[in-house]
Amino acid sequence: MSYKKLILFAVAALGVMMFFKTDYYTLWIDKYIMNPSTTLSDQMERTSAEQRKEYRYGNLYVMCQYMKKTLDTTSFKTKEPIVLLPPNDYLTAQGITLFHMPEPAEFYYHTGIKTVWTTSPDVQQANWALIPSGKTSIAMMPLKTAEDRNRLLDMYKNYKPGL
């Protein structure tokens, strides 16, 4: 019986090691675990929860909060905003390298707003979109018609969404 447990442990350990050998998680481990950029004195200077989140999550968190504020203050209201995220490869091709688009689950974690990628089965329900605006920023655009959404999807079709 102990031989079976040893084999299961080895398989599980190998699976975890393979998972963390992907580029995305290797960068995450290096940034947050092996070389954390926060020190106790840095954290003590930022006393509010919002300041700590901005410091810890960086441009991604600030971008998500900007989009949430935009959706809260706009005159184009929808019962449930669903935001179409552009592929990261498309943003890179446009020269935007300051941040990358988060996973829909990560975006939902920060804002409570549902987002979809271009390959999502719910992409036809998207009523907002993020588009590049210049070389260093992005903007929110309402998708009022299906033609608006299809025009964006045509622009994004040569780019693979994802991390």
N, C-alpha and C. Protein backbone atom coordinates (compact mmCIF):
# COMPACT_ATOMS: atom_id res chain seq x y z
N MET A 1 0.82 -1.19 0.00
CA MET A 1 0.00 0.00 0.00
C MET A 1 0.87 1.26 0.00
N SER A 2 1.99 1.27 0.68
CA SER A 2 2.84 2.45 0.72
C SER A 2 3.50 2.72 -0.62
N TYR A 3 3.74 1.68 -1.42
CA TYR A 3 4.30 1.85 -2.76
C TYR A 3 3.33 2.63 -3.65
N LYS A 4 2.04 2.36 -3.51
CA LYS A 4 1.02 3.07 -4.29
C LYS A 4 0.99 4.56 -3.88
N LYS A 5 1.09 4.84 -2.59
CA LYS A 5 1.11 6.23 -2.12
C LYS A 5 2.34 6.96 -2.62
N LEU A 6 3.47 6.29 -2.65
CA LEU A 6 4.70 6.90 -3.14
C LEU A 6 4.57 7.26 -4.63
N ILE A 7 3.99 6.36 -5.40
CA ILE A 7 3.79 6.64 -6.84
C ILE A 7 2.82 7.82 -7.03
N LEU A 8 1.74 7.84 -6.28
CA LEU A 8 0.78 8.94 -6.38
C LEU A 8 1.42 10.27 -5.98
N PHE A 9 2.24 10.24 -4.94
CA PHE A 9 2.94 11.47 -4.52
C PHE A 9 3.88 11.95 -5.62
N ALA A 10 4.62 11.02 -6.23
CA ALA A 10 5.56 11.39 -7.29
C ALA A 10 4.82 11.97 -8.50
N VAL A 11 3.70 11.39 -8.86
CA VAL A 11 2.92 11.90 -9.99
C VAL A 11 2.37 13.29 -9.67
N ALA A 12 1.87 13.48 -8.47
CA ALA A 12 1.34 14.79 -8.08
C ALA A 12 2.44 15.84 -8.06
N ALA A 13 3.60 15.50 -7.51
CA ALA A 13 4.73 16.44 -7.47
C ALA A 13 5.18 16.79 -8.88
N LEU A 14 5.23 15.83 -9.77
CA LEU A 14 5.60 16.08 -11.16
C LEU A 14 4.59 16.99 -11.84
N GLY A 15 3.31 16.76 -11.57
CA GLY A 15 2.26 17.61 -12.14
C GLY A 15 2.38 19.05 -11.68
N VAL A 16 2.64 19.25 -10.41
CA VAL A 16 2.80 20.62 -9.88
C VAL A 16 4.02 21.28 -10.48
N MET A 17 5.11 20.54 -10.60
CA MET A 17 6.33 21.11 -11.19
C MET A 17 6.11 21.49 -12.65
N MET A 18 5.37 20.68 -13.40
CA MET A 18 5.09 21.00 -14.81
C MET A 18 4.21 22.24 -14.90
N PHE A 19 3.26 22.36 -13.99
CA PHE A 19 2.36 23.51 -13.97
C PHE A 19 3.14 24.81 -13.77
N PHE A 20 4.08 24.80 -12.85
CA PHE A 20 4.84 26.01 -12.55
C PHE A 20 6.02 26.23 -13.49
N LYS A 21 6.22 25.36 -14.46
CA LYS A 21 7.27 25.57 -15.46
C LYS A 21 6.76 26.37 -16.66
N THR A 22 5.47 26.67 -16.72
CA THR A 22 4.97 27.50 -17.82
C THR A 22 5.49 28.92 -17.63
N ASP A 23 5.61 29.64 -18.72
CA ASP A 23 6.21 30.98 -18.68
C ASP A 23 5.46 31.93 -17.75
N TYR A 24 4.14 31.92 -17.81
CA TYR A 24 3.34 32.84 -17.02
C TYR A 24 3.59 32.63 -15.53
N TYR A 25 3.56 31.39 -15.08
CA TYR A 25 3.72 31.11 -13.66
C TYR A 25 5.18 31.21 -13.20
N THR A 26 6.11 30.98 -14.11
CA THR A 26 7.52 31.19 -13.78
C THR A 26 7.77 32.66 -13.48
N LEU A 27 7.20 33.54 -14.31
CA LEU A 27 7.34 34.97 -14.06
C LEU A 27 6.66 35.36 -12.75
N TRP A 28 5.50 34.77 -12.49
CA TRP A 28 4.77 35.07 -11.26
C TRP A 28 5.59 34.67 -10.04
N ILE A 29 6.18 33.47 -10.05
CA ILE A 29 6.99 33.01 -8.92
C ILE A 29 8.19 33.91 -8.72
N ASP A 30 8.87 34.27 -9.82
CA ASP A 30 10.04 35.14 -9.71
C ASP A 30 9.67 36.51 -9.15
N LYS A 31 8.53 37.04 -9.59
CA LYS A 31 8.15 38.40 -9.19
C LYS A 31 7.63 38.46 -7.76
N TYR A 32 6.74 37.54 -7.39
CA TYR A 32 6.05 37.67 -6.11
C TYR A 32 6.62 36.79 -4.99
N ILE A 33 7.21 35.67 -5.34
CA ILE A 33 7.68 34.76 -4.30
C ILE A 33 9.18 34.89 -4.08
N MET A 34 9.96 34.76 -5.15
CA MET A 34 11.41 34.77 -5.02
C MET A 34 11.99 36.17 -4.80
N ASN A 35 11.45 37.17 -5.46
CA ASN A 35 11.95 38.55 -5.36
C ASN A 35 10.80 39.52 -5.11
N PRO A 36 10.19 39.45 -3.95
CA PRO A 36 9.05 40.36 -3.73
C PRO A 36 9.52 41.82 -3.73
N SER A 37 8.73 42.67 -4.37
CA SER A 37 9.10 44.07 -4.47
C SER A 37 8.61 44.89 -3.28
N THR A 38 7.84 44.27 -2.42
CA THR A 38 7.32 45.00 -1.28
C THR A 38 8.12 44.67 -0.03
N THR A 39 8.38 45.69 0.73
CA THR A 39 9.02 45.50 2.03
C THR A 39 8.07 46.02 3.09
N LEU A 40 8.38 45.74 4.32
CA LEU A 40 7.51 46.17 5.41
C LEU A 40 7.38 47.68 5.46
N SER A 41 8.49 48.40 5.24
CA SER A 41 8.41 49.87 5.28
C SER A 41 7.57 50.41 4.14
N ASP A 42 7.64 49.77 2.95
CA ASP A 42 6.80 50.20 1.83
C ASP A 42 5.33 50.00 2.17
N GLN A 43 5.01 48.88 2.77
CA GLN A 43 3.61 48.61 3.11
C GLN A 43 3.11 49.54 4.21
N MET A 44 3.97 49.93 5.13
CA MET A 44 3.55 50.82 6.21
C MET A 44 3.26 52.22 5.71
N GLU A 45 3.88 52.63 4.61
CA GLU A 45 3.62 53.94 4.04
C GLU A 45 2.25 54.01 3.37
N ARG A 46 1.74 52.88 2.96
CA ARG A 46 0.44 52.82 2.27
C ARG A 46 -0.58 52.25 3.25
N THR A 47 -1.33 53.13 3.87
CA THR A 47 -2.21 52.68 4.94
C THR A 47 -3.60 52.28 4.47
N SER A 48 -4.08 52.85 3.38
CA SER A 48 -5.43 52.48 2.95
C SER A 48 -5.38 51.22 2.10
N ALA A 49 -6.47 50.49 2.11
CA ALA A 49 -6.54 49.24 1.36
C ALA A 49 -6.40 49.51 -0.14
N GLU A 50 -6.98 50.59 -0.61
CA GLU A 50 -6.91 50.93 -2.04
C GLU A 50 -5.47 51.23 -2.47
N GLN A 51 -4.73 51.96 -1.64
CA GLN A 51 -3.33 52.25 -1.97
C GLN A 51 -2.49 50.98 -2.01
N ARG A 52 -2.75 50.06 -1.11
CA ARG A 52 -2.00 48.80 -1.09
C ARG A 52 -2.31 47.96 -2.33
N LYS A 53 -3.57 47.93 -2.72
CA LYS A 53 -3.93 47.18 -3.93
C LYS A 53 -3.26 47.78 -5.16
N GLU A 54 -3.27 49.10 -5.27
CA GLU A 54 -2.62 49.75 -6.41
C GLU A 54 -1.13 49.45 -6.42
N TYR A 55 -0.50 49.46 -5.27
CA TYR A 55 0.93 49.20 -5.18
C TYR A 55 1.25 47.74 -5.51
N ARG A 56 0.43 46.85 -5.00
CA ARG A 56 0.71 45.42 -5.19
C ARG A 56 0.40 44.96 -6.61
N TYR A 57 -0.78 45.33 -7.14
CA TYR A 57 -1.19 44.80 -8.44
C TYR A 57 -0.75 45.68 -9.61
N GLY A 58 -0.39 46.92 -9.37
CA GLY A 58 0.17 47.79 -10.39
C GLY A 58 -0.83 48.25 -11.43
N ASN A 59 -0.34 48.35 -12.68
CA ASN A 59 -1.14 48.88 -13.78
C ASN A 59 -2.41 48.10 -14.02
N LEU A 60 -2.36 46.80 -13.81
CA LEU A 60 -3.54 45.97 -14.03
C LEU A 60 -4.69 46.41 -13.14
N TYR A 61 -4.43 46.58 -11.87
CA TYR A 61 -5.49 46.97 -10.94
C TYR A 61 -6.01 48.37 -11.26
N VAL A 62 -5.11 49.29 -11.55
CA VAL A 62 -5.51 50.67 -11.86
C VAL A 62 -6.39 50.68 -13.11
N MET A 63 -6.01 49.89 -14.13
CA MET A 63 -6.79 49.82 -15.35
C MET A 63 -8.18 49.25 -15.06
N CYS A 64 -8.26 48.19 -14.28
CA CYS A 64 -9.56 47.59 -13.95
C CYS A 64 -10.45 48.58 -13.21
N GLN A 65 -9.89 49.32 -12.27
CA GLN A 65 -10.67 50.29 -11.52
C GLN A 65 -11.12 51.46 -12.40
N TYR A 66 -10.26 51.87 -13.33
CA TYR A 66 -10.63 52.92 -14.29
C TYR A 66 -11.83 52.46 -15.11
N MET A 67 -11.80 51.22 -15.57
CA MET A 67 -12.91 50.72 -16.38
C MET A 67 -14.18 50.61 -15.56
N LYS A 68 -14.06 50.20 -14.32
CA LYS A 68 -15.25 50.11 -13.46
C LYS A 68 -15.85 51.49 -13.24
N LYS A 69 -15.00 52.49 -12.99
CA LYS A 69 -15.48 53.85 -12.79
C LYS A 69 -16.15 54.38 -14.06
N THR A 70 -15.56 54.07 -15.21
CA THR A 70 -16.15 54.50 -16.48
C THR A 70 -17.53 53.90 -16.66
N LEU A 71 -17.68 52.63 -16.38
CA LEU A 71 -18.98 51.98 -16.53
C LEU A 71 -20.00 52.51 -15.52
N ASP A 72 -19.54 52.89 -14.34
CA ASP A 72 -20.45 53.42 -13.32
C ASP A 72 -20.95 54.82 -13.65
N THR A 73 -20.13 55.61 -14.36
CA THR A 73 -20.48 57.02 -14.59
C THR A 73 -20.99 57.31 -16.00
N THR A 74 -21.08 56.32 -16.86
CA THR A 74 -21.49 56.56 -18.23
C THR A 74 -22.99 56.74 -18.35
N SER A 75 -23.39 57.38 -19.43
CA SER A 75 -24.82 57.54 -19.69
C SER A 75 -25.38 56.34 -20.45
N PHE A 76 -24.52 55.56 -21.10
CA PHE A 76 -24.95 54.35 -21.80
C PHE A 76 -25.00 53.20 -20.80
N LYS A 77 -26.16 52.99 -20.23
CA LYS A 77 -26.31 51.97 -19.18
C LYS A 77 -26.85 50.68 -19.77
N THR A 78 -26.33 49.59 -19.29
CA THR A 78 -26.85 48.27 -19.64
C THR A 78 -27.13 47.54 -18.35
N LYS A 79 -28.03 46.55 -18.42
CA LYS A 79 -28.37 45.86 -17.18
C LYS A 79 -27.19 45.06 -16.64
N GLU A 80 -26.41 44.47 -17.53
CA GLU A 80 -25.20 43.76 -17.11
C GLU A 80 -24.11 44.04 -18.14
N PRO A 81 -23.14 44.89 -17.79
CA PRO A 81 -22.07 45.16 -18.75
C PRO A 81 -21.18 43.92 -18.95
N ILE A 82 -20.91 43.62 -20.21
CA ILE A 82 -19.99 42.55 -20.57
C ILE A 82 -18.96 43.17 -21.49
N VAL A 83 -17.70 43.13 -21.08
CA VAL A 83 -16.63 43.83 -21.77
C VAL A 83 -15.83 42.85 -22.63
N LEU A 84 -15.63 43.21 -23.89
CA LEU A 84 -14.81 42.44 -24.80
C LEU A 84 -13.35 42.88 -24.64
N LEU A 85 -12.49 41.94 -24.29
CA LEU A 85 -11.07 42.24 -24.09
C LEU A 85 -10.29 41.98 -25.38
N PRO A 86 -9.43 42.91 -25.78
CA PRO A 86 -8.62 42.65 -26.97
C PRO A 86 -7.52 41.65 -26.67
N PRO A 87 -7.07 40.89 -27.66
CA PRO A 87 -5.96 39.96 -27.43
C PRO A 87 -4.67 40.70 -27.10
N ASN A 88 -3.86 40.11 -26.24
CA ASN A 88 -2.59 40.73 -25.86
C ASN A 88 -1.67 40.90 -27.06
N ASP A 89 -1.70 39.95 -27.98
CA ASP A 89 -0.88 40.07 -29.19
C ASP A 89 -1.28 41.28 -30.02
N TYR A 90 -2.56 41.59 -30.04
CA TYR A 90 -3.04 42.77 -30.77
C TYR A 90 -2.51 44.05 -30.11
N LEU A 91 -2.56 44.11 -28.78
CA LEU A 91 -2.05 45.29 -28.08
C LEU A 91 -0.55 45.46 -28.34
N THR A 92 0.19 44.38 -28.33
CA THR A 92 1.62 44.44 -28.60
C THR A 92 1.87 44.95 -30.01
N ALA A 93 1.07 44.48 -30.96
CA ALA A 93 1.21 44.94 -32.35
C ALA A 93 0.90 46.43 -32.48
N GLN A 94 0.04 46.94 -31.61
CA GLN A 94 -0.30 48.37 -31.63
C GLN A 94 0.71 49.21 -30.85
N GLY A 95 1.66 48.56 -30.19
CA GLY A 95 2.70 49.27 -29.45
C GLY A 95 2.40 49.50 -27.99
N ILE A 96 1.36 48.89 -27.48
CA ILE A 96 1.01 49.05 -26.06
C ILE A 96 1.65 47.91 -25.29
N THR A 97 2.65 48.24 -24.47
CA THR A 97 3.37 47.22 -23.72
C THR A 97 3.37 47.47 -22.21
N LEU A 98 2.68 48.52 -21.76
CA LEU A 98 2.69 48.83 -20.32
C LEU A 98 1.92 47.83 -19.49
N PHE A 99 0.94 47.18 -20.07
CA PHE A 99 0.15 46.20 -19.34
C PHE A 99 -0.40 45.18 -20.32
N HIS A 100 -0.87 44.08 -19.78
CA HIS A 100 -1.50 43.05 -20.59
C HIS A 100 -2.93 42.86 -20.11
N MET A 101 -3.76 42.36 -20.97
CA MET A 101 -5.14 42.11 -20.60
C MET A 101 -5.19 40.94 -19.63
N PRO A 102 -5.95 41.08 -18.57
CA PRO A 102 -6.04 39.98 -17.60
C PRO A 102 -6.98 38.89 -18.10
N GLU A 103 -6.95 37.78 -17.43
CA GLU A 103 -7.94 36.74 -17.68
C GLU A 103 -9.29 37.29 -17.25
N PRO A 104 -10.38 36.83 -17.87
CA PRO A 104 -11.70 37.29 -17.44
C PRO A 104 -11.96 37.04 -15.95
N ALA A 105 -11.48 35.94 -15.42
CA ALA A 105 -11.69 35.66 -13.99
C ALA A 105 -10.95 36.66 -13.12
N GLU A 106 -9.75 37.03 -13.53
CA GLU A 106 -8.96 38.00 -12.76
C GLU A 106 -9.61 39.38 -12.81
N PHE A 107 -10.12 39.75 -13.98
CA PHE A 107 -10.81 41.03 -14.11
C PHE A 107 -12.06 41.05 -13.22
N TYR A 108 -12.79 39.95 -13.22
CA TYR A 108 -13.99 39.86 -12.39
C TYR A 108 -13.63 39.94 -10.90
N TYR A 109 -12.51 39.36 -10.52
CA TYR A 109 -12.05 39.41 -9.13
C TYR A 109 -11.82 40.86 -8.68
N HIS A 110 -11.22 41.67 -9.56
CA HIS A 110 -10.92 43.05 -9.19
C HIS A 110 -12.12 43.99 -9.27
N THR A 111 -13.08 43.70 -10.15
CA THR A 111 -14.15 44.68 -10.38
C THR A 111 -15.57 44.15 -10.21
N GLY A 112 -15.77 42.87 -10.38
CA GLY A 112 -17.12 42.33 -10.35
C GLY A 112 -17.83 42.48 -11.69
N ILE A 113 -17.09 42.80 -12.75
CA ILE A 113 -17.65 43.00 -14.09
C ILE A 113 -17.24 41.82 -14.96
N LYS A 114 -18.19 41.29 -15.71
CA LYS A 114 -17.91 40.15 -16.57
C LYS A 114 -17.20 40.61 -17.84
N THR A 115 -16.17 39.87 -18.23
CA THR A 115 -15.46 40.15 -19.47
C THR A 115 -15.37 38.87 -20.29
N VAL A 116 -15.15 39.03 -21.59
CA VAL A 116 -15.02 37.89 -22.49
C VAL A 116 -13.85 38.10 -23.43
N TRP A 117 -13.24 36.99 -23.84
CA TRP A 117 -12.23 37.02 -24.88
C TRP A 117 -12.91 36.82 -26.22
N THR A 118 -12.17 37.02 -27.28
CA THR A 118 -12.74 36.94 -28.62
C THR A 118 -13.18 35.52 -28.99
N THR A 119 -12.66 34.52 -28.31
CA THR A 119 -13.04 33.14 -28.60
C THR A 119 -14.09 32.59 -27.65
N SER A 120 -14.59 33.42 -26.78
CA SER A 120 -15.58 32.99 -25.80
C SER A 120 -16.93 32.69 -26.47
N PRO A 121 -17.66 31.71 -25.97
CA PRO A 121 -19.00 31.46 -26.53
C PRO A 121 -19.97 32.62 -26.27
N ASP A 122 -19.68 33.46 -25.27
CA ASP A 122 -20.56 34.58 -24.93
C ASP A 122 -20.14 35.88 -25.60
N VAL A 123 -19.26 35.83 -26.59
CA VAL A 123 -18.73 37.06 -27.19
C VAL A 123 -19.83 37.89 -27.85
N GLN A 124 -20.88 37.27 -28.32
CA GLN A 124 -21.96 38.02 -28.98
C GLN A 124 -22.79 38.82 -27.98
N GLN A 125 -22.62 38.58 -26.68
CA GLN A 125 -23.34 39.33 -25.66
C GLN A 125 -22.57 40.57 -25.19
N ALA A 126 -21.34 40.73 -25.66
CA ALA A 126 -20.52 41.87 -25.22
C ALA A 126 -21.17 43.17 -25.64
N ASN A 127 -21.27 44.11 -24.69
CA ASN A 127 -21.86 45.41 -25.00
C ASN A 127 -20.89 46.56 -24.73
N TRP A 128 -19.68 46.24 -24.34
CA TRP A 128 -18.59 47.20 -24.17
C TRP A 128 -17.32 46.57 -24.71
N ALA A 129 -16.35 47.39 -25.07
CA ALA A 129 -15.07 46.87 -25.56
C ALA A 129 -13.94 47.78 -25.12
N LEU A 130 -12.79 47.18 -24.94
CA LEU A 130 -11.56 47.93 -24.71
C LEU A 130 -10.84 48.05 -26.04
N ILE A 131 -10.40 49.25 -26.37
CA ILE A 131 -9.68 49.45 -27.62
C ILE A 131 -8.42 50.27 -27.34
N PRO A 132 -7.37 50.05 -28.12
CA PRO A 132 -6.16 50.87 -27.94
C PRO A 132 -6.44 52.33 -28.27
N SER A 133 -5.87 53.21 -27.48
CA SER A 133 -6.04 54.64 -27.68
C SER A 133 -4.66 55.27 -27.56
N GLY A 134 -3.98 55.40 -28.67
CA GLY A 134 -2.62 55.91 -28.64
C GLY A 134 -1.64 54.79 -28.33
N LYS A 135 -0.41 55.16 -28.03
CA LYS A 135 0.65 54.17 -27.78
C LYS A 135 0.74 53.72 -26.33
N THR A 136 0.11 54.45 -25.42
CA THR A 136 0.28 54.11 -24.01
C THR A 136 -1.02 53.93 -23.25
N SER A 137 -2.15 53.90 -23.93
CA SER A 137 -3.40 53.80 -23.17
C SER A 137 -4.46 53.02 -23.95
N ILE A 138 -5.52 52.72 -23.23
CA ILE A 138 -6.67 52.06 -23.82
C ILE A 138 -7.91 52.86 -23.43
N ALA A 139 -8.99 52.63 -24.16
CA ALA A 139 -10.23 53.35 -23.89
C ALA A 139 -11.40 52.37 -23.91
N MET A 140 -12.48 52.77 -23.26
CA MET A 140 -13.71 51.99 -23.25
C MET A 140 -14.61 52.50 -24.36
N MET A 141 -15.25 51.58 -25.06
CA MET A 141 -16.15 51.95 -26.14
C MET A 141 -17.43 51.12 -26.02
N PRO A 142 -18.59 51.77 -26.03
CA PRO A 142 -19.83 50.97 -26.00
C PRO A 142 -20.06 50.31 -27.35
N LEU A 143 -20.54 49.09 -27.32
CA LEU A 143 -20.91 48.37 -28.54
C LEU A 143 -22.43 48.40 -28.64
N LYS A 144 -22.93 49.38 -29.35
CA LYS A 144 -24.38 49.59 -29.40
C LYS A 144 -25.08 48.69 -30.42
N THR A 145 -24.33 48.25 -31.44
CA THR A 145 -24.92 47.38 -32.45
C THR A 145 -24.04 46.16 -32.67
N ALA A 146 -24.62 45.16 -33.30
CA ALA A 146 -23.86 43.95 -33.62
C ALA A 146 -22.78 44.25 -34.64
N GLU A 147 -22.99 45.26 -35.49
CA GLU A 147 -21.98 45.64 -36.48
C GLU A 147 -20.71 46.16 -35.80
N ASP A 148 -20.87 46.93 -34.73
CA ASP A 148 -19.71 47.42 -33.98
C ASP A 148 -18.88 46.25 -33.44
N ARG A 149 -19.58 45.30 -32.87
CA ARG A 149 -18.91 44.13 -32.28
C ARG A 149 -18.23 43.30 -33.37
N ASN A 150 -18.91 43.08 -34.49
CA ASN A 150 -18.33 42.27 -35.57
C ASN A 150 -17.14 42.96 -36.21
N ARG A 151 -17.15 44.28 -36.29
CA ARG A 151 -16.01 45.02 -36.82
C ARG A 151 -14.77 44.81 -35.94
N LEU A 152 -14.97 44.87 -34.63
CA LEU A 152 -13.85 44.62 -33.70
C LEU A 152 -13.37 43.18 -33.79
N LEU A 153 -14.29 42.25 -33.87
CA LEU A 153 -13.91 40.84 -33.96
C LEU A 153 -13.13 40.56 -35.24
N ASP A 154 -13.48 41.25 -36.33
CA ASP A 154 -12.72 41.10 -37.57
C ASP A 154 -11.29 41.61 -37.41
N MET A 155 -11.13 42.71 -36.66
CA MET A 155 -9.77 43.23 -36.42
C MET A 155 -8.95 42.26 -35.58
N TYR A 156 -9.61 41.58 -34.64
CA TYR A 156 -8.92 40.71 -33.70
C TYR A 156 -8.74 39.27 -34.20
N LYS A 157 -9.35 38.92 -35.34
CA LYS A 157 -9.38 37.50 -35.73
C LYS A 157 -8.01 36.91 -36.01
N ASN A 158 -7.01 37.72 -36.35
CA ASN A 158 -5.67 37.19 -36.63
C ASN A 158 -4.82 37.06 -35.38
N TYR A 159 -5.36 37.42 -34.24
CA TYR A 159 -4.60 37.39 -32.98
C TYR A 159 -5.23 36.41 -32.03
N LYS A 160 -4.40 35.64 -31.37
CA LYS A 160 -4.89 34.63 -30.43
C LYS A 160 -5.04 35.26 -29.04
N PRO A 161 -6.23 35.16 -28.44
CA PRO A 161 -6.39 35.70 -27.09
C PRO A 161 -5.73 34.78 -26.07
N GLY A 162 -5.39 35.33 -24.97
CA GLY A 162 -4.80 34.52 -23.91
C GLY A 162 -3.72 35.28 -23.17
N LEU A 163 -3.02 34.58 -22.35
CA LEU A 163 -2.00 35.17 -21.51
C LEU A 163 -0.79 35.47 -22.34
